[in-house]
PDB file of all heavy atoms in Angstrom:
ATOM      1  N   THR A   1      12.210 -11.167  -1.128  1.00  0.00           N
ATOM      2  CA  THR A   1      11.624 -10.956   0.177  1.00  0.00           C
ATOM      3  C   THR A   1      10.388 -10.087   0.023  1.00  0.00           C
ATOM      4  O   THR A   1      10.523  -8.931  -0.405  1.00  0.00           O
ATOM      5  CB  THR A   1      12.630 -10.332   1.182  1.00  0.00           C
ATOM      6  OG1 THR A   1      13.804 -11.209   1.363  1.00  0.00           O
ATOM      7  CG2 THR A   1      12.006 -10.180   2.522  1.00  0.00           C
ATOM      8  N   LEU A   2       9.235 -10.615   0.467  1.00  0.00           N
ATOM      9  CA  LEU A   2       7.989  -9.830   0.428  1.00  0.00           C
ATOM     10  C   LEU A   2       7.683  -9.399   1.754  1.00  0.00           C
ATOM     11  O   LEU A   2       7.729 -10.120   2.723  1.00  0.00           O
ATOM     12  CB  LEU A   2       6.901 -10.808  -0.103  1.00  0.00           C
ATOM     13  CG  LEU A   2       7.047 -11.294  -1.563  1.00  0.00           C
ATOM     14  CD1 LEU A   2       5.892 -12.357  -1.851  1.00  0.00           C
ATOM     15  CD2 LEU A   2       6.902 -10.165  -2.577  1.00  0.00           C
ATOM     16  N   VAL A   3       7.259  -8.081   1.889  1.00  0.00           N
ATOM     17  CA  VAL A   3       7.155  -7.427   3.101  1.00  0.00           C
ATOM     18  C   VAL A   3       5.806  -6.633   3.155  1.00  0.00           C
ATOM     19  O   VAL A   3       5.466  -5.930   2.204  1.00  0.00           O
ATOM     20  CB  VAL A   3       8.282  -6.381   3.413  1.00  0.00           C
ATOM     21  CG1 VAL A   3       8.174  -5.828   4.861  1.00  0.00           C
ATOM     22  CG2 VAL A   3       9.675  -7.033   3.202  1.00  0.00           C
ATOM     23  N   LEU A   4       5.007  -6.801   4.246  1.00  0.00           N
ATOM     24  CA  LEU A   4       3.902  -5.970   4.454  1.00  0.00           C
ATOM     25  C   LEU A   4       4.210  -5.094   5.688  1.00  0.00           C
ATOM     26  O   LEU A   4       4.400  -5.659   6.794  1.00  0.00           O
ATOM     27  CB  LEU A   4       2.670  -6.823   4.762  1.00  0.00           C
ATOM     28  CG  LEU A   4       1.366  -5.996   5.215  1.00  0.00           C
ATOM     29  CD1 LEU A   4       0.906  -5.183   3.972  1.00  0.00           C
ATOM     30  CD2 LEU A   4       0.340  -6.864   5.846  1.00  0.00           C
ATOM     31  N   GLN A   5       4.391  -3.842   5.508  1.00  0.00           N
ATOM     32  CA  GLN A   5       4.677  -2.877   6.550  1.00  0.00           C
ATOM     33  C   GLN A   5       3.391  -2.236   7.113  1.00  0.00           C
ATOM     34  O   GLN A   5       2.682  -1.598   6.362  1.00  0.00           O
ATOM     35  CB  GLN A   5       5.616  -1.783   6.064  1.00  0.00           C
ATOM     36  CG  GLN A   5       6.982  -2.251   5.682  1.00  0.00           C
ATOM     37  CD  GLN A   5       7.911  -1.115   5.294  1.00  0.00           C
ATOM     38  OE1 GLN A   5       7.431   0.030   5.015  1.00  0.00           O
ATOM     39  NE2 GLN A   5       9.172  -1.436   5.075  1.00  0.00           N
ATOM     40  N   SER A   6       3.143  -2.413   8.379  1.00  0.00           N
ATOM     41  CA  SER A   6       2.087  -1.710   9.093  1.00  0.00           C
ATOM     42  C   SER A   6       2.564  -0.558   9.769  1.00  0.00           C
ATOM     43  O   SER A   6       3.660  -0.031   9.487  1.00  0.00           O
ATOM     44  CB  SER A   6       1.383  -2.771  10.024  1.00  0.00           C
ATOM     45  OG  SER A   6       0.157  -2.187  10.523  1.00  0.00           O
ATOM     46  N   ASP A   7       1.757  -0.072  10.800  1.00  0.00           N
ATOM     47  CA  ASP A   7       2.170   1.200  11.401  1.00  0.00           C
ATOM     48  C   ASP A   7       3.485   1.109  12.182  1.00  0.00           C
ATOM     49  O   ASP A   7       4.352   2.022  12.205  1.00  0.00           O
ATOM     50  CB  ASP A   7       1.103   1.658  12.334  1.00  0.00           C
ATOM     51  CG  ASP A   7      -0.152   2.155  11.567  1.00  0.00           C
ATOM     52  OD1 ASP A   7      -0.074   2.539  10.469  1.00  0.00           O
ATOM     53  OD2 ASP A   7      -1.274   2.112  12.255  1.00  0.00           O
ATOM     54  N   PHE A   8       3.687   0.003  12.878  1.00  0.00           N
ATOM     55  CA  PHE A   8       4.812  -0.154  13.748  1.00  0.00           C
ATOM     56  C   PHE A   8       5.671  -1.424  13.422  1.00  0.00           C
ATOM     57  O   PHE A   8       6.857  -1.354  13.726  1.00  0.00           O
ATOM     58  CB  PHE A   8       4.417  -0.221  15.225  1.00  0.00           C
ATOM     59  CG  PHE A   8       3.552   0.887  15.664  1.00  0.00           C
ATOM     60  CD1 PHE A   8       2.153   0.776  15.753  1.00  0.00           C
ATOM     61  CD2 PHE A   8       4.082   2.127  15.926  1.00  0.00           C
ATOM     62  CE1 PHE A   8       1.344   1.866  16.147  1.00  0.00           C
ATOM     63  CE2 PHE A   8       3.296   3.227  16.318  1.00  0.00           C
ATOM     64  CZ  PHE A   8       1.939   3.074  16.418  1.00  0.00           C
ATOM     65  N   HIS A   9       5.095  -2.399  12.894  1.00  0.00           N
ATOM     66  CA  HIS A   9       5.824  -3.642  12.631  1.00  0.00           C
ATOM     67  C   HIS A   9       5.609  -4.092  11.170  1.00  0.00           C
ATOM     68  O   HIS A   9       4.844  -3.440  10.474  1.00  0.00           O
ATOM     69  CB  HIS A   9       5.339  -4.720  13.607  1.00  0.00           C
ATOM     70  CG  HIS A   9       5.625  -4.419  15.004  1.00  0.00           C
ATOM     71  ND1 HIS A   9       4.767  -3.611  15.785  1.00  0.00           N
ATOM     72  CD2 HIS A   9       6.688  -4.757  15.833  1.00  0.00           C
ATOM     73  CE1 HIS A   9       5.334  -3.459  17.033  1.00  0.00           C
ATOM     74  NE2 HIS A   9       6.392  -4.177  17.026  1.00  0.00           N
ATOM     75  N   GLU A  10       6.260  -5.173  10.807  1.00  0.00           N
ATOM     76  CA  GLU A  10       6.086  -5.730   9.490  1.00  0.00           C
ATOM     77  C   GLU A  10       6.056  -7.207   9.536  1.00  0.00           C
ATOM     78  O   GLU A  10       6.580  -7.869  10.482  1.00  0.00           O
ATOM     79  CB  GLU A  10       7.259  -5.242   8.566  1.00  0.00           C
ATOM     80  CG  GLU A  10       8.595  -5.661   8.996  1.00  0.00           C
ATOM     81  CD  GLU A  10       9.688  -5.009   8.149  1.00  0.00           C
ATOM     82  OE1 GLU A  10       9.457  -3.973   7.572  1.00  0.00           O
ATOM     83  OE2 GLU A  10      10.838  -5.613   8.027  1.00  0.00           O
ATOM     84  N   VAL A  11       5.434  -7.842   8.464  1.00  0.00           N
ATOM     85  CA  VAL A  11       5.399  -9.306   8.311  1.00  0.00           C
ATOM     86  C   VAL A  11       6.064  -9.595   6.988  1.00  0.00           C
ATOM     87  O   VAL A  11       5.825  -8.893   5.999  1.00  0.00           O
ATOM     88  CB  VAL A  11       3.929  -9.840   8.340  1.00  0.00           C
ATOM     89  CG1 VAL A  11       3.911 -11.303   8.198  1.00  0.00           C
ATOM     90  CG2 VAL A  11       3.255  -9.398   9.631  1.00  0.00           C
ATOM     91  N   PHE A  12       6.894 -10.556   6.911  1.00  0.00           N
ATOM     92  CA  PHE A  12       7.633 -10.761   5.656  1.00  0.00           C
ATOM     93  C   PHE A  12       7.878 -12.271   5.481  1.00  0.00           C
ATOM     94  O   PHE A  12       7.770 -13.164   6.441  1.00  0.00           O
ATOM     95  CB  PHE A  12       8.938 -10.069   5.563  1.00  0.00           C
ATOM     96  CG  PHE A  12       9.901 -10.333   6.678  1.00  0.00           C
ATOM     97  CD1 PHE A  12      10.909 -11.226   6.423  1.00  0.00           C
ATOM     98  CD2 PHE A  12       9.853  -9.722   7.899  1.00  0.00           C
ATOM     99  CE1 PHE A  12      11.886 -11.458   7.397  1.00  0.00           C
ATOM    100  CE2 PHE A  12      10.765  -9.957   8.880  1.00  0.00           C
ATOM    101  CZ  PHE A  12      11.795 -10.795   8.665  1.00  0.00           C
ATOM    102  N   THR A  13       8.119 -12.643   4.234  1.00  0.00           N
ATOM    103  CA  THR A  13       8.556 -13.980   3.905  1.00  0.00           C
ATOM    104  C   THR A  13       9.477 -13.999   2.708  1.00  0.00           C
ATOM    105  O   THR A  13       9.594 -13.001   1.988  1.00  0.00           O
ATOM    106  CB  THR A  13       7.274 -14.857   3.566  1.00  0.00           C
ATOM    107  OG1 THR A  13       7.610 -16.248   3.531  1.00  0.00           O
ATOM    108  CG2 THR A  13       6.663 -14.393   2.242  1.00  0.00           C
ATOM    109  N   TYR A  14      10.149 -15.086   2.438  1.00  0.00           N
ATOM    110  CA  TYR A  14      11.049 -15.254   1.321  1.00  0.00           C
ATOM    111  C   TYR A  14      10.470 -16.239   0.358  1.00  0.00           C
ATOM    112  O   TYR A  14      10.068 -17.311   0.707  1.00  0.00           O
ATOM    113  CB  TYR A  14      12.452 -15.660   1.791  1.00  0.00           C
ATOM    114  CG  TYR A  14      13.432 -15.800   0.720  1.00  0.00           C
ATOM    115  CD1 TYR A  14      14.203 -14.710   0.243  1.00  0.00           C
ATOM    116  CD2 TYR A  14      13.630 -17.005   0.050  1.00  0.00           C
ATOM    117  CE1 TYR A  14      15.088 -14.814  -0.732  1.00  0.00           C
ATOM    118  CE2 TYR A  14      14.610 -17.108  -0.934  1.00  0.00           C
ATOM    119  CZ  TYR A  14      15.313 -16.060  -1.360  1.00  0.00           C
ATOM    120  OH  TYR A  14      16.250 -16.181  -2.352  1.00  0.00           O
ATOM    121  N   VAL A  15      10.511 -15.798  -0.965  1.00  0.00           N
ATOM    122  CA  VAL A  15      10.011 -16.806  -1.976  1.00  0.00           C
ATOM    123  C   VAL A  15      11.091 -16.853  -3.111  1.00  0.00           C
ATOM    124  O   VAL A  15      11.871 -15.950  -3.341  1.00  0.00           O
ATOM    125  CB  VAL A  15       8.645 -16.317  -2.558  1.00  0.00           C
ATOM    126  CG1 VAL A  15       7.563 -16.309  -1.520  1.00  0.00           C
ATOM    127  CG2 VAL A  15       8.835 -14.869  -3.194  1.00  0.00           C
ATOM    128  N   HIS A  16      11.049 -17.925  -3.800  1.00  0.00           N
ATOM    129  CA  HIS A  16      11.998 -18.146  -4.931  1.00  0.00           C
ATOM    130  C   HIS A  16      11.530 -17.352  -6.121  1.00  0.00           C
ATOM    131  O   HIS A  16      10.325 -17.269  -6.412  1.00  0.00           O
ATOM    132  CB  HIS A  16      12.105 -19.629  -5.264  1.00  0.00           C
ATOM    133  CG  HIS A  16      12.802 -20.417  -4.130  1.00  0.00           C
ATOM    134  ND1 HIS A  16      14.157 -20.329  -3.811  1.00  0.00           N
ATOM    135  CD2 HIS A  16      12.328 -21.292  -3.238  1.00  0.00           C
ATOM    136  CE1 HIS A  16      14.455 -21.050  -2.804  1.00  0.00           C
ATOM    137  NE2 HIS A  16      13.301 -21.703  -2.429  1.00  0.00           N
ATOM    138  N   GLY A  17      12.488 -16.859  -6.896  1.00  0.00           N
ATOM    139  CA  GLY A  17      12.158 -16.189  -8.153  1.00  0.00           C
ATOM    140  C   GLY A  17      12.076 -14.669  -7.898  1.00  0.00           C
ATOM    141  O   GLY A  17      12.003 -14.203  -6.835  1.00  0.00           O
ATOM    142  N   THR A  18      12.144 -13.878  -9.061  1.00  0.00           N
ATOM    143  CA  THR A  18      11.980 -12.508  -9.017  1.00  0.00           C
ATOM    144  C   THR A  18      10.729 -12.132  -9.866  1.00  0.00           C
ATOM    145  O   THR A  18      10.046 -12.976 -10.410  1.00  0.00           O
ATOM    146  CB  THR A  18      13.222 -11.794  -9.632  1.00  0.00           C
ATOM    147  OG1 THR A  18      13.409 -12.255 -10.934  1.00  0.00           O
ATOM    148  CG2 THR A  18      14.408 -12.002  -8.752  1.00  0.00           C
ATOM    149  N   LYS A  19      10.385 -10.830  -9.935  1.00  0.00           N
ATOM    150  CA  LYS A  19       9.178 -10.357 -10.547  1.00  0.00           C
ATOM    151  C   LYS A  19       7.937 -11.024  -9.926  1.00  0.00           C
ATOM    152  O   LYS A  19       6.889 -11.152 -10.644  1.00  0.00           O
ATOM    153  CB  LYS A  19       9.192 -10.626 -12.017  1.00  0.00           C
ATOM    154  CG  LYS A  19      10.431 -10.155 -12.777  1.00  0.00           C
ATOM    155  CD  LYS A  19      10.631  -8.684 -12.563  1.00  0.00           C
ATOM    156  CE  LYS A  19      11.958  -8.216 -13.309  1.00  0.00           C
ATOM    157  NZ  LYS A  19      12.201  -6.706 -13.094  1.00  0.00           N
ATOM    158  N   VAL A  20       8.049 -11.351  -8.703  1.00  0.00           N
ATOM    159  CA  VAL A  20       6.907 -11.882  -8.000  1.00  0.00           C
ATOM    160  C   VAL A  20       5.803 -10.905  -7.805  1.00  0.00           C
ATOM    161  O   VAL A  20       6.193  -9.725  -7.425  1.00  0.00           O
ATOM    162  CB  VAL A  20       7.363 -12.554  -6.640  1.00  0.00           C
ATOM    163  CG1 VAL A  20       6.145 -13.098  -5.857  1.00  0.00           C
ATOM    164  CG2 VAL A  20       8.376 -13.588  -6.882  1.00  0.00           C
ATOM    165  N   SER A  21       4.584 -11.195  -7.961  1.00  0.00           N
ATOM    166  CA  SER A  21       3.486 -10.208  -7.740  1.00  0.00           C
ATOM    167  C   SER A  21       3.448  -9.773  -6.302  1.00  0.00           C
ATOM    168  O   SER A  21       3.528 -10.480  -5.348  1.00  0.00           O
ATOM    169  CB  SER A  21       2.081 -10.913  -8.103  1.00  0.00           C
ATOM    170  OG  SER A  21       1.053 -10.027  -7.757  1.00  0.00           O
ATOM    171  N   LEU A  22       3.223  -8.479  -6.158  1.00  0.00           N
ATOM    172  CA  LEU A  22       3.041  -7.869  -4.859  1.00  0.00           C
ATOM    173  C   LEU A  22       1.816  -8.352  -4.109  1.00  0.00           C
ATOM    174  O   LEU A  22       1.645  -8.136  -2.954  1.00  0.00           O
ATOM    175  CB  LEU A  22       3.011  -6.327  -4.977  1.00  0.00           C
ATOM    176  CG  LEU A  22       4.435  -5.697  -5.236  1.00  0.00           C
ATOM    177  CD1 LEU A  22       4.211  -4.237  -5.653  1.00  0.00           C
ATOM    178  CD2 LEU A  22       5.331  -5.765  -3.908  1.00  0.00           C
ATOM    179  N   ASP A  23       0.935  -8.994  -4.847  1.00  0.00           N
ATOM    180  CA  ASP A  23      -0.294  -9.559  -4.266  1.00  0.00           C
ATOM    181  C   ASP A  23      -0.048 -10.932  -3.557  1.00  0.00           C
ATOM    182  O   ASP A  23      -0.891 -11.373  -2.903  1.00  0.00           O
ATOM    183  CB  ASP A  23      -1.406  -9.737  -5.303  1.00  0.00           C
ATOM    184  CG  ASP A  23      -1.858  -8.373  -5.870  1.00  0.00           C
ATOM    185  OD1 ASP A  23      -1.896  -7.435  -5.123  1.00  0.00           O
ATOM    186  OD2 ASP A  23      -2.333  -8.409  -7.075  1.00  0.00           O
ATOM    187  N   ALA A  24       1.166 -11.531  -3.756  1.00  0.00           N
ATOM    188  CA  ALA A  24       1.460 -12.795  -3.277  1.00  0.00           C
ATOM    189  C   ALA A  24       1.354 -12.817  -1.717  1.00  0.00           C
ATOM    190  O   ALA A  24       0.805 -13.730  -1.151  1.00  0.00           O
ATOM    191  CB  ALA A  24       2.770 -13.322  -3.693  1.00  0.00           C
TER     192      ALA A  24
END
């Protein structure tokens, strides 16, 4: 699960595999 946390909320998605780049 990749997450971008902003000041009050967050946006996230699920991708297959581990060691996924944080830039994805």
